[in-house]
Amino acid sequence: MQEHKANMAILGKEAATALAAVESQQQRLTFQIFVAMVEGERTYHERVATILGNIEAERCSQRTKNGGCSTCCSSHSHFREN
């Protein structure tokens, strides 16, 4: 009976160690997925900013060609990518 209890204690410790390893691996995987999602969001917003900058530049170019105010477009230059 004593040997059985000792074996059960060993199995319990091994199970706890295995569960901790699985939890740690799951946390690393979750973090990697989270980082990938954040990078995807950053890329999306950079693309949107570039598109908005291009639209603004074209709008200002058209306004300048049509004899509009050329200084008004400089205030919107924060959308443009360098």
PDB file of N, CA and C in Angstrom:
ATOM      1  N   MET A   1       0.819  -1.196   0.000  1.00  0.00           N
ATOM      2  CA  MET A   1       0.000   0.000   0.000  1.00  0.00           C
ATOM      3  C   MET A   1       0.867   1.266   0.000  1.00  0.00           C
ATOM      4  N   GLN A   2       1.934   1.238   0.784  1.00  0.00           N
ATOM      5  CA  GLN A   2       2.836   2.388   0.873  1.00  0.00           C
ATOM      6  C   GLN A   2       3.498   2.650  -0.479  1.00  0.00           C
ATOM      7  N   GLU A   3       3.866   1.583  -1.167  1.00  0.00           N
ATOM      8  CA  GLU A   3       4.485   1.720  -2.496  1.00  0.00           C
ATOM      9  C   GLU A   3       3.487   2.332  -3.478  1.00  0.00           C
ATOM     10  N   HIS A   4       2.254   1.937  -3.367  1.00  0.00           N
ATOM     11  CA  HIS A   4       1.195   2.482  -4.224  1.00  0.00           C
ATOM     12  C   HIS A   4       1.041   3.987  -3.994  1.00  0.00           C
ATOM     13  N   LYS A   5       1.040   4.420  -2.749  1.00  0.00           N
ATOM     14  CA  LYS A   5       0.935   5.840  -2.425  1.00  0.00           C
ATOM     15  C   LYS A   5       2.128   6.616  -2.974  1.00  0.00           C
ATOM     16  N   ALA A   6       3.317   6.032  -2.840  1.00  0.00           N
ATOM     17  CA  ALA A   6       4.529   6.690  -3.342  1.00  0.00           C
ATOM     18  C   ALA A   6       4.459   6.847  -4.861  1.00  0.00           C
ATOM     19  N   ASN A   7       3.985   5.801  -5.551  1.00  0.00           N
ATOM     20  CA  ASN A   7       3.844   5.858  -7.011  1.00  0.00           C
ATOM     21  C   ASN A   7       2.814   6.907  -7.427  1.00  0.00           C
ATOM     22  N   MET A   8       1.746   6.998  -6.663  1.00  0.00           N
ATOM     23  CA  MET A   8       0.710   7.989  -6.957  1.00  0.00           C
ATOM     24  C   MET A   8       1.252   9.407  -6.761  1.00  0.00           C
ATOM     25  N   ALA A   9       2.068   9.596  -5.752  1.00  0.00           N
ATOM     26  CA  ALA A   9       2.670  10.906  -5.498  1.00  0.00           C
ATOM     27  C   ALA A   9       3.601  11.286  -6.635  1.00  0.00           C
ATOM     28  N   ILE A  10       4.390  10.338  -7.106  1.00  0.00           N
ATOM     29  CA  ILE A  10       5.301  10.579  -8.231  1.00  0.00           C
ATOM     30  C   ILE A  10       4.499  10.921  -9.486  1.00  0.00           C
ATOM     31  N   LEU A  11       3.448  10.160  -9.742  1.00  0.00           N
ATOM     32  CA  LEU A  11       2.609  10.432 -10.914  1.00  0.00           C
ATOM     33  C   LEU A  11       1.950  11.805 -10.820  1.00  0.00           C
ATOM     34  N   GLY A  12       1.542  12.180  -9.622  1.00  0.00           N
ATOM     35  CA  GLY A  12       0.940  13.495  -9.419  1.00  0.00           C
ATOM     36  C   GLY A  12       1.929  14.608  -9.718  1.00  0.00           C
ATOM     37  N   LYS A  13       3.158  14.450  -9.265  1.00  0.00           N
ATOM     38  CA  LYS A  13       4.194  15.452  -9.534  1.00  0.00           C
ATOM     39  C   LYS A  13       4.500  15.520 -11.027  1.00  0.00           C
ATOM     40  N   GLU A  14       4.583  14.388 -11.676  1.00  0.00           N
ATOM     41  CA  GLU A  14       4.848  14.359 -13.119  1.00  0.00           C
ATOM     42  C   GLU A  14       3.705  15.014 -13.897  1.00  0.00           C
ATOM     43  N   ALA A  15       2.482  14.763 -13.458  1.00  0.00           N
ATOM     44  CA  ALA A  15       1.320  15.367 -14.120  1.00  0.00           C
ATOM     45  C   ALA A  15       1.342  16.882 -13.938  1.00  0.00           C
ATOM     46  N   ALA A  16       1.671  17.338 -12.743  1.00  0.00           N
ATOM     47  CA  ALA A  16       1.734  18.779 -12.486  1.00  0.00           C
ATOM     48  C   ALA A  16       2.818  19.429 -13.333  1.00  0.00           C
ATOM     49  N   THR A  17       3.963  18.765 -13.461  1.00  0.00           N
ATOM     50  CA  THR A  17       5.053  19.281 -14.287  1.00  0.00           C
ATOM     51  C   THR A  17       4.640  19.345 -15.758  1.00  0.00           C
ATOM     52  N   ALA A  18       3.969  18.303 -16.228  1.00  0.00           N
ATOM     53  CA  ALA A  18       3.514  18.268 -17.617  1.00  0.00           C
ATOM     54  C   ALA A  18       2.483  19.365 -17.878  1.00  0.00           C
ATOM     55  N   LEU A  19       1.562  19.560 -16.964  1.00  0.00           N
ATOM     56  CA  LEU A  19       0.562  20.608 -17.112  1.00  0.00           C
ATOM     57  C   LEU A  19       1.198  21.999 -17.129  1.00  0.00           C
ATOM     58  N   ALA A  20       2.198  22.212 -16.287  1.00  0.00           N
ATOM     59  CA  ALA A  20       2.898  23.495 -16.267  1.00  0.00           C
ATOM     60  C   ALA A  20       3.616  23.739 -17.588  1.00  0.00           C
ATOM     61  N   ALA A  21       4.209  22.695 -18.157  1.00  0.00           N
ATOM     62  CA  ALA A  21       4.894  22.833 -19.443  1.00  0.00           C
ATOM     63  C   ALA A  21       3.902  23.153 -20.555  1.00  0.00           C
ATOM     64  N   VAL A  22       2.748  22.504 -20.539  1.00  0.00           N
ATOM     65  CA  VAL A  22       1.717  22.769 -21.547  1.00  0.00           C
ATOM     66  C   VAL A  22       1.204  24.200 -21.403  1.00  0.00           C
ATOM     67  N   GLU A  23       0.993  24.636 -20.180  1.00  0.00           N
ATOM     68  CA  GLU A  23       0.522  26.000 -19.951  1.00  0.00           C
ATOM     69  C   GLU A  23       1.541  27.016 -20.453  1.00  0.00           C
ATOM     70  N   SER A  24       2.803  26.776 -20.180  1.00  0.00           N
ATOM     71  CA  SER A  24       3.864  27.679 -20.616  1.00  0.00           C
ATOM     72  C   SER A  24       3.928  27.734 -22.146  1.00  0.00           C
ATOM     73  N   GLN A  25       3.832  26.575 -22.776  1.00  0.00           N
ATOM     74  CA  GLN A  25       3.852  26.518 -24.242  1.00  0.00           C
ATOM     75  C   GLN A  25       2.639  27.252 -24.814  1.00  0.00           C
ATOM     76  N   GLN A  26       1.485  27.084 -24.207  1.00  0.00           N
ATOM     77  CA  GLN A  26       0.267  27.749 -24.670  1.00  0.00           C
ATOM     78  C   GLN A  26       0.395  29.265 -24.530  1.00  0.00           C
ATOM     79  N   GLN A  27       0.994  29.722 -23.449  1.00  0.00           N
ATOM     80  CA  GLN A  27       1.200  31.158 -23.256  1.00  0.00           C
ATOM     81  C   GLN A  27       2.138  31.723 -24.316  1.00  0.00           C
ATOM     82  N   ARG A  28       3.203  30.989 -24.638  1.00  0.00           N
ATOM     83  CA  ARG A  28       4.123  31.448 -25.685  1.00  0.00           C
ATOM     84  C   ARG A  28       3.414  31.522 -27.029  1.00  0.00           C
ATOM     85  N   LEU A  29       2.628  30.513 -27.344  1.00  0.00           N
ATOM     86  CA  LEU A  29       1.894  30.494 -28.608  1.00  0.00           C
ATOM     87  C   LEU A  29       0.883  31.632 -28.662  1.00  0.00           C
ATOM     88  N   THR A  30       0.165  31.858 -27.578  1.00  0.00           N
ATOM     89  CA  THR A  30      -0.806  32.951 -27.519  1.00  0.00           C
ATOM     90  C   THR A  30      -0.107  34.292 -27.724  1.00  0.00           C
ATOM     91  N   PHE A  31       1.048  34.468 -27.097  1.00  0.00           N
ATOM     92  CA  PHE A  31       1.803  35.706 -27.251  1.00  0.00           C
ATOM     93  C   PHE A  31       2.246  35.896 -28.698  1.00  0.00           C
ATOM     94  N   GLN A  32       2.726  34.836 -29.334  1.00  0.00           N
ATOM     95  CA  GLN A  32       3.148  34.920 -30.740  1.00  0.00           C
ATOM     96  C   GLN A  32       1.972  35.300 -31.641  1.00  0.00           C
ATOM     97  N   ILE A  33       0.822  34.732 -31.383  1.00  0.00           N
ATOM     98  CA  ILE A  33      -0.379  35.065 -32.163  1.00  0.00           C
ATOM     99  C   ILE A  33      -0.757  36.516 -31.940  1.00  0.00           C
ATOM    100  N   PHE A  34      -0.681  36.974 -30.698  1.00  0.00           N
ATOM    101  CA  PHE A  34      -0.997  38.361 -30.372  1.00  0.00           C
ATOM    102  C   PHE A  34      -0.045  39.316 -31.092  1.00  0.00           C
ATOM    103  N   VAL A  35       1.249  39.018 -31.079  1.00  0.00           N
ATOM    104  CA  VAL A  35       2.230  39.858 -31.769  1.00  0.00           C
ATOM    105  C   VAL A  35       1.935  39.899 -33.265  1.00  0.00           C
ATOM    106  N   ALA A  36       1.593  38.769 -33.853  1.00  0.00           N
ATOM    107  CA  ALA A  36       1.262  38.729 -35.282  1.00  0.00           C
ATOM    108  C   ALA A  36       0.030  39.580 -35.580  1.00  0.00           C
ATOM    109  N   MET A  37      -0.958  39.540 -34.701  1.00  0.00           N
ATOM    110  CA  MET A  37      -2.163  40.351 -34.893  1.00  0.00           C
ATOM    111  C   MET A  37      -1.843  41.839 -34.807  1.00  0.00           C
ATOM    112  N   VAL A  38      -1.011  42.221 -33.842  1.00  0.00           N
ATOM    113  CA  VAL A  38      -0.632  43.627 -33.690  1.00  0.00           C
ATOM    114  C   VAL A  38       0.147  44.091 -34.918  1.00  0.00           C
ATOM    115  N   GLU A  39       1.054  43.273 -35.411  1.00  0.00           N
ATOM    116  CA  GLU A  39       1.813  43.615 -36.614  1.00  0.00           C
ATOM    117  C   GLU A  39       0.882  43.776 -37.815  1.00  0.00           C
ATOM    118  N   GLY A  40      -0.112  42.903 -37.914  1.00  0.00           N
ATOM    119  CA  GLY A  40      -1.086  43.013 -38.997  1.00  0.00           C
ATOM    120  C   GLY A  40      -1.874  44.305 -38.913  1.00  0.00           C
ATOM    121  N   GLU A  41      -2.278  44.677 -37.725  1.00  0.00           N
ATOM    122  CA  GLU A  41      -3.002  45.943 -37.528  1.00  0.00           C
ATOM    123  C   GLU A  41      -2.119  47.135 -37.879  1.00  0.00           C
ATOM    124  N   ARG A  42      -0.856  47.082 -37.463  1.00  0.00           N
ATOM    125  CA  ARG A  42       0.073  48.171 -37.767  1.00  0.00           C
ATOM    126  C   ARG A  42       0.247  48.315 -39.272  1.00  0.00           C
ATOM    127  N   THR A  43       0.425  47.208 -39.966  1.00  0.00           N
ATOM    128  CA  THR A  43       0.584  47.232 -41.416  1.00  0.00           C
ATOM    129  C   THR A  43      -0.670  47.789 -42.080  1.00  0.00           C
ATOM    130  N   TYR A  44      -1.821  47.362 -41.614  1.00  0.00           N
ATOM    131  CA  TYR A  44      -3.088  47.863 -42.168  1.00  0.00           C
ATOM    132  C   TYR A  44      -3.175  49.380 -42.034  1.00  0.00           C
ATOM    133  N   HIS A  45      -2.890  49.888 -40.844  1.00  0.00           N
ATOM    134  CA  HIS A  45      -3.010  51.326 -40.610  1.00  0.00           C
ATOM    135  C   HIS A  45      -1.955  52.117 -41.384  1.00  0.00           C
ATOM    136  N   GLU A  46      -0.770  51.541 -41.554  1.00  0.00           N
ATOM    137  CA  GLU A  46       0.242  52.197 -42.385  1.00  0.00           C
ATOM    138  C   GLU A  46      -0.231  52.297 -43.828  1.00  0.00           C
ATOM    139  N   ARG A  47      -0.852  51.231 -44.325  1.00  0.00           N
ATOM    140  CA  ARG A  47      -1.373  51.251 -45.698  1.00  0.00           C
ATOM    141  C   ARG A  47      -2.484  52.282 -45.855  1.00  0.00           C
ATOM    142  N   VAL A  48      -3.374  52.339 -44.875  1.00  0.00           N
ATOM    143  CA  VAL A  48      -4.454  53.329 -44.923  1.00  0.00           C
ATOM    144  C   VAL A  48      -3.876  54.740 -44.910  1.00  0.00           C
ATOM    145  N   ALA A  49      -2.882  54.980 -44.070  1.00  0.00           N
ATOM    146  CA  ALA A  49      -2.259  56.302 -44.009  1.00  0.00           C
ATOM    147  C   ALA A  49      -1.600  56.649 -45.342  1.00  0.00           C
ATOM    148  N   THR A  50      -0.970  55.685 -45.974  1.00  0.00           N
ATOM    149  CA  THR A  50      -0.350  55.919 -47.275  1.00  0.00           C
ATOM    150  C   THR A  50      -1.407  56.247 -48.321  1.00  0.00           C
ATOM    151  N   ILE A  51      -2.491  55.489 -48.327  1.00  0.00           N
ATOM    152  CA  ILE A  51      -3.578  55.745 -49.283  1.00  0.00           C
ATOM    153  C   ILE A  51      -4.160  57.131 -49.061  1.00  0.00           C
ATOM    154  N   LEU A  52      -4.424  57.484 -47.806  1.00  0.00           N
ATOM    155  CA  LEU A  52      -4.958  58.811 -47.503  1.00  0.00           C
ATOM    156  C   LEU A  52      -3.977  59.907 -47.921  1.00  0.00           C
ATOM    157  N   GLY A  53      -2.698  59.673 -47.709  1.00  0.00           N
ATOM    158  CA  GLY A  53      -1.684  60.639 -48.132  1.00  0.00           C
ATOM    159  C   GLY A  53      -1.678  60.815 -49.631  1.00  0.00           C
ATOM    160  N   ASN A  54      -1.801  59.711 -50.359  1.00  0.00           N
ATOM    161  CA  ASN A  54      -1.830  59.782 -51.822  1.00  0.00           C
ATOM    162  C   ASN A  54      -3.073  60.524 -52.307  1.00  0.00           C
ATOM    163  N   ILE A  55      -4.198  60.253 -51.683  1.00  0.00           N
ATOM    164  CA  ILE A  55      -5.439  60.938 -52.061  1.00  0.00           C
ATOM    165  C   ILE A  55      -5.312  62.426 -51.782  1.00  0.00           C
ATOM    166  N   GLU A  56      -4.781  62.762 -50.624  1.00  0.00           N
ATOM    167  CA  GLU A  56      -4.613  64.171 -50.265  1.00  0.00           C
ATOM    168  C   GLU A  56      -3.652  64.868 -51.217  1.00  0.00           C
ATOM    169  N   ALA A  57      -2.560  64.204 -51.563  1.00  0.00           N
ATOM    170  CA  ALA A  57      -1.599  64.797 -52.494  1.00  0.00           C
ATOM    171  C   ALA A  57      -2.239  65.029 -53.855  1.00  0.00           C
ATOM    172  N   GLU A  58      -3.021  64.059 -54.310  1.00  0.00           N
ATOM    173  CA  GLU A  58      -3.687  64.225 -55.602  1.00  0.00           C
ATOM    174  C   GLU A  58      -4.735  65.337 -55.539  1.00  0.00           C
ATOM    175  N   ARG A  59      -5.463  65.401 -54.453  1.00  0.00           N
ATOM    176  CA  ARG A  59      -6.464  66.460 -54.295  1.00  0.00           C
ATOM    177  C   ARG A  59      -5.806  67.837 -54.304  1.00  0.00           C
ATOM    178  N   CYS A  60      -4.703  67.954 -53.584  1.00  0.00           N
ATOM    179  CA  CYS A  60      -3.985  69.227 -53.551  1.00  0.00           C
ATOM    180  C   CYS A  60      -3.415  69.559 -54.923  1.00  0.00           C
ATOM    181  N   SER A  61      -2.910  68.549 -55.605  1.00  0.00           N
ATOM    182  CA  SER A  61      -2.371  68.766 -56.944  1.00  0.00           C
ATOM    183  C   SER A  61      -3.466  69.270 -57.884  1.00  0.00           C
ATOM    184  N   GLN A  62      -4.629  68.651 -57.800  1.00  0.00           N
ATOM    185  CA  GLN A  62      -5.748  69.089 -58.632  1.00  0.00           C
ATOM    186  C   GLN A  62      -6.181  70.499 -58.259  1.00  0.00           C
ATOM    187  N   ARG A  63      -6.208  70.798 -56.984  1.00  0.00           N
ATOM    188  CA  ARG A  63      -6.608  72.127 -56.529  1.00  0.00           C
ATOM    189  C   ARG A  63      -5.608  73.176 -57.031  1.00  0.00           C
ATOM    190  N   THR A  64      -4.320  72.842 -56.977  1.00  0.00           N
ATOM    191  CA  THR A  64      -3.286  73.769 -57.443  1.00  0.00           C
ATOM    192  C   THR A  64      -3.412  73.980 -58.954  1.00  0.00           C
ATOM    193  N   LYS A  65      -3.663  72.910 -59.706  1.00  0.00           N
ATOM    194  CA  LYS A  65      -3.832  73.016 -61.165  1.00  0.00           C
ATOM    195  C   LYS A  65      -5.031  73.880 -61.513  1.00  0.00           C
ATOM    196  N   ASN A  66      -6.045  73.810 -60.678  1.00  0.00           N
ATOM    197  CA  ASN A  66      -7.271  74.578 -60.937  1.00  0.00           C
ATOM    198  C   ASN A  66      -7.180  76.006 -60.404  1.00  0.00           C
ATOM    199  N   GLY A  67      -5.997  76.399 -59.941  1.00  0.00           N
ATOM    200  CA  GLY A  67      -5.811  77.759 -59.472  1.00  0.00           C
ATOM    201  C   GLY A  67      -6.211  77.971 -58.029  1.00  0.00           C
ATOM    202  N   GLY A  68      -6.328  76.910 -57.272  1.00  0.00           N
ATOM    203  CA  GLY A  68      -6.709  77.031 -55.865  1.00  0.00           C
ATOM    204  C   GLY A  68      -5.527  77.416 -55.006  1.00  0.00           C
ATOM    205  N   CYS A  69      -5.767  77.444 -53.737  1.00  0.00           N
ATOM    206  CA  CYS A  69      -4.751  77.835 -52.759  1.00  0.00           C
ATOM    207  C   CYS A  69      -3.721  76.717 -52.608  1.00  0.00           C
ATOM    208  N   SER A  70      -2.461  77.014 -52.852  1.00  0.00           N
ATOM    209  CA  SER A  70      -1.430  75.984 -52.727  1.00  0.00           C
ATOM    210  C   SER A  70      -0.949  75.814 -51.294  1.00  0.00           C
ATOM    211  N   THR A  71      -1.161  76.814 -50.451  1.00  0.00           N
ATOM    212  CA  THR A  71      -0.697  76.718 -49.062  1.00  0.00           C
ATOM    213  C   THR A  71      -1.629  75.890 -48.194  1.00  0.00           C
ATOM    214  N   CYS A  72      -2.887  75.736 -48.597  1.00  0.00           N
ATOM    215  CA  CYS A  72      -3.829  74.988 -47.757  1.00  0.00           C
ATOM    216  C   CYS A  72      -3.474  73.505 -47.702  1.00  0.00           C
ATOM    217  N   CYS A  73      -2.805  73.003 -48.702  1.00  0.00           N
ATOM    218  CA  CYS A  73      -2.470  71.575 -48.732  1.00  0.00           C
ATOM    219  C   CYS A  73      -1.323  71.228 -47.796  1.00  0.00           C
ATOM    220  N   SER A  74      -0.489  72.180 -47.492  1.00  0.00           N
ATOM    221  CA  SER A  74       0.651  71.880 -46.623  1.00  0.00           C
ATOM    222  C   SER A  74       0.207  71.522 -45.210  1.00  0.00           C
ATOM    223  N   SER A  75      -0.966  71.987 -44.801  1.00  0.00           N
ATOM    224  CA  SER A  75      -1.441  71.671 -43.454  1.00  0.00           C
ATOM    225  C   SER A  75      -1.902  70.231 -43.322  1.00  0.00           C
ATOM    226  N   HIS A  76      -2.101  69.548 -44.437  1.00  0.00           N
ATOM    227  CA  HIS A  76      -2.549  68.153 -44.407  1.00  0.00           C
ATOM    228  C   HIS A  76      -1.420  67.184 -44.708  1.00  0.00           C
ATOM    229  N   SER A  77      -0.199  67.624 -44.665  1.00  0.00           N
ATOM    230  CA  SER A  77       0.936  66.780 -45.049  1.00  0.00           C
ATOM    231  C   SER A  77       1.224  65.661 -44.046  1.00  0.00           C
ATOM    232  N   HIS A  78       0.566  65.646 -42.887  1.00  0.00           N
ATOM    233  CA  HIS A  78       0.825  64.590 -41.911  1.00  0.00           C
ATOM    234  C   HIS A  78       0.358  63.223 -42.396  1.00  0.00           C
ATOM    235  N   PHE A  79      -0.443  63.157 -43.467  1.00  0.00           N
ATOM    236  CA  PHE A  79      -0.864  61.861 -44.007  1.00  0.00           C
ATOM    237  C   PHE A  79       0.188  61.259 -44.920  1.00  0.00           C
ATOM    238  N   ARG A  80       1.063  62.066 -45.428  1.00  0.00           N
ATOM    239  CA  ARG A  80       2.015  61.589 -46.435  1.00  0.00           C
ATOM    240  C   ARG A  80       3.104  60.757 -45.814  1.00  0.00           C
ATOM    241  N   GLU A  81       3.498  59.707 -46.533  1.00  0.00           N
ATOM    242  CA  GLU A  81       4.600  58.854 -46.120  1.00  0.00           C
ATOM    243  C   GLU A  81       5.870  59.388 -46.748  1.00  0.00           C
ATOM    244  N   ASN A  82       6.957  59.350 -46.029  1.00  0.00           N
ATOM    245  CA  ASN A  82       8.249  59.787 -46.575  1.00  0.00           C
ATOM    246  C   ASN A  82       9.004  58.600 -47.091  1.00  0.00           C
TER     247      ASN A  82
END
